[in-house]
Amino acid sequence: MFTQTLRASRSSIARVVRQQATGTIAKRTFITPTAVRRADLVQDLYLRELKAYKAPAVKATDSEGQVQTFSAPSPPKSPEEADIAKELQAYEASAVEIEGQAEGGAADSQEFDWFEEEPEEEEVHH
């Protein structure tokens, strides 16, 4: 118990001596300048130039050379305007083409059997 009181008294004496040596009571501050903060010249220059920047004013004529003018396309012709009766007569007069017939209208005499199977050869057993 005696050793504990010596330790406590020794630490309290050291604290009192420290306070008297500095003259004032040391207080913690949230913002303290550091060596890193003071030596950051590049960031200071960048922030100063960024604050001093002023965007150029936008004019109505700025886009003249960059954008094409819009012109509406011409409307398509409607099917009613064309000569439908003439086209209908041409369709009715056209010859009907049927697959498998010759040009004269007769059926082809040649018929091909594409699915003809060859006879199987019997195997000889010994």
Protein backbone atom coordinates (compact mmCIF):
# COMPACT_ATOMS: atom_id res chain seq x y z
CA MET A 1 0.00 0.00 0.00
CA PHE A 2 2.85 2.27 0.76
CA THR A 3 4.31 1.71 -2.74
CA GLN A 4 1.03 2.66 -4.34
CA THR A 5 0.93 5.97 -2.55
CA LEU A 6 4.51 6.67 -3.61
CA ARG A 7 3.63 5.98 -7.24
CA ALA A 8 0.54 8.17 -7.04
CA SER A 9 2.41 11.00 -5.40
CA ARG A 10 5.29 10.71 -7.87
CA SER A 11 2.93 10.95 -10.89
CA SER A 12 1.02 13.87 -9.37
CA ILE A 13 4.27 15.72 -8.60
CA ALA A 14 5.45 15.19 -12.19
CA ARG A 15 2.15 16.57 -13.52
CA VAL A 16 2.36 19.69 -11.36
CA VAL A 17 5.96 20.31 -12.42
CA ARG A 18 5.02 19.99 -16.07
CA GLN A 19 2.17 22.48 -15.73
CA GLN A 20 4.41 25.02 -14.00
CA ALA A 21 7.15 24.61 -16.61
CA THR A 22 4.88 25.48 -19.51
CA GLY A 23 3.32 28.37 -17.66
CA THR A 24 -0.16 27.65 -18.96
CA ILE A 25 -2.38 24.66 -18.99
CA ALA A 26 -2.06 22.76 -22.28
CA LYS A 27 -5.34 22.35 -24.09
CA ARG A 28 -6.17 20.13 -26.97
CA THR A 29 -7.18 21.82 -30.16
CA PHE A 30 -8.99 20.21 -33.06
CA ILE A 31 -7.16 22.08 -35.80
CA THR A 32 -3.42 22.18 -35.54
CA PRO A 33 -1.20 23.15 -38.44
CA THR A 34 1.10 20.34 -39.44
CA ALA A 35 4.18 20.19 -41.59
CA VAL A 36 2.30 18.31 -44.28
CA ARG A 37 -0.42 20.97 -44.45
CA ARG A 38 2.06 23.82 -44.75
CA ALA A 39 4.19 22.15 -47.40
CA ASP A 40 1.29 21.34 -49.81
CA LEU A 41 1.98 24.10 -52.32
CA VAL A 42 0.63 22.24 -55.36
CA GLN A 43 -2.79 21.83 -53.81
CA ASP A 44 -2.89 25.50 -52.80
CA LEU A 45 -2.01 26.59 -56.34
CA TYR A 46 -4.62 24.26 -57.82
CA LEU A 47 -7.37 25.49 -55.50
CA ARG A 48 -6.50 29.14 -56.16
CA GLU A 49 -6.63 28.62 -59.95
CA LEU A 50 -9.85 26.64 -59.65
CA LYS A 51 -11.53 29.43 -57.71
CA ALA A 52 -10.29 32.06 -60.17
CA TYR A 53 -11.63 30.20 -63.26
CA LYS A 54 -14.56 31.78 -65.03
CA ALA A 55 -16.44 29.83 -67.68
CA PRO A 56 -16.79 31.58 -71.05
CA ALA A 57 -20.23 32.96 -71.84
CA VAL A 58 -22.37 30.84 -74.18
CA LYS A 59 -23.66 32.63 -77.27
CA ALA A 60 -26.52 31.63 -79.54
CA THR A 61 -24.19 31.58 -82.56
CA ASP A 62 -21.61 29.19 -81.04
CA SER A 63 -23.18 26.10 -82.60
CA GLU A 64 -23.36 27.37 -86.20
CA GLY A 65 -20.30 25.59 -87.52
CA GLN A 66 -20.78 22.47 -85.40
CA VAL A 67 -24.40 21.47 -86.12
CA GLN A 68 -26.27 20.98 -89.40
CA THR A 69 -29.55 22.76 -89.94
CA PHE A 70 -32.66 20.58 -89.90
CA SER A 71 -34.68 20.20 -93.07
CA ALA A 72 -37.81 18.05 -93.04
CA PRO A 73 -37.86 15.16 -95.56
CA SER A 74 -40.32 15.29 -98.45
CA PRO A 75 -43.48 13.27 -97.83
CA PRO A 76 -43.73 9.94 -99.71
CA LYS A 77 -46.20 9.40 -102.53
CA SER A 78 -49.38 7.71 -101.49
CA PRO A 79 -50.44 4.54 -103.38
CA GLU A 80 -53.71 6.18 -104.42
CA GLU A 81 -51.85 8.65 -106.63
CA ALA A 82 -50.33 5.91 -108.80
CA ASP A 83 -52.24 4.32 -111.70
CA ILE A 84 -53.68 1.31 -109.88
CA ALA A 85 -56.00 0.22 -112.74
CA LYS A 86 -53.08 -0.02 -115.18
CA GLU A 87 -51.05 -2.12 -112.75
CA LEU A 88 -54.02 -4.42 -112.10
CA GLN A 89 -54.48 -5.07 -115.84
CA ALA A 90 -50.77 -5.87 -116.20
CA TYR A 91 -51.02 -8.35 -113.32
CA GLU A 92 -54.07 -10.08 -114.80
CA ALA A 93 -52.42 -10.34 -118.22
CA SER A 94 -49.22 -11.89 -116.87
CA ALA A 95 -48.66 -15.60 -117.46
CA VAL A 96 -49.04 -17.93 -114.52
CA GLU A 97 -45.89 -19.84 -113.73
CA ILE A 98 -46.40 -23.29 -112.26
CA GLU A 99 -43.47 -25.21 -110.89
CA GLY A 100 -42.78 -28.47 -112.68
CA GLN A 101 -44.24 -27.46 -116.07
CA ALA A 102 -42.40 -26.49 -119.21
CA GLU A 103 -42.86 -23.07 -120.77
CA GLY A 104 -45.49 -24.33 -123.20
CA GLY A 105 -47.77 -25.42 -120.41
CA ALA A 106 -47.11 -29.17 -120.78
CA ALA A 107 -45.87 -31.19 -117.87
CA ASP A 108 -42.24 -32.26 -117.84
CA SER A 109 -41.76 -35.80 -119.07
CA GLN A 110 -38.72 -36.28 -116.91
CA GLU A 111 -39.48 -37.16 -113.39
CA PHE A 112 -36.73 -37.70 -110.97
CA ASP A 113 -37.13 -39.95 -108.01
CA TRP A 114 -34.85 -38.35 -105.52
CA PHE A 115 -35.72 -40.75 -102.73
CA GLU A 116 -35.02 -43.94 -104.57
CA GLU A 117 -33.27 -46.42 -102.31
CA GLU A 118 -30.64 -48.80 -103.59
CA PRO A 119 -31.28 -52.53 -103.00
CA GLU A 120 -29.37 -53.93 -100.07
CA GLU A 121 -26.79 -56.58 -100.78
CA GLU A 122 -27.19 -59.77 -98.79
CA GLU A 123 -24.21 -60.83 -96.76
CA VAL A 124 -22.79 -64.28 -97.41
CA HIS A 125 -22.56 -66.46 -94.29
CA HIS A 126 -19.85 -69.14 -94.14
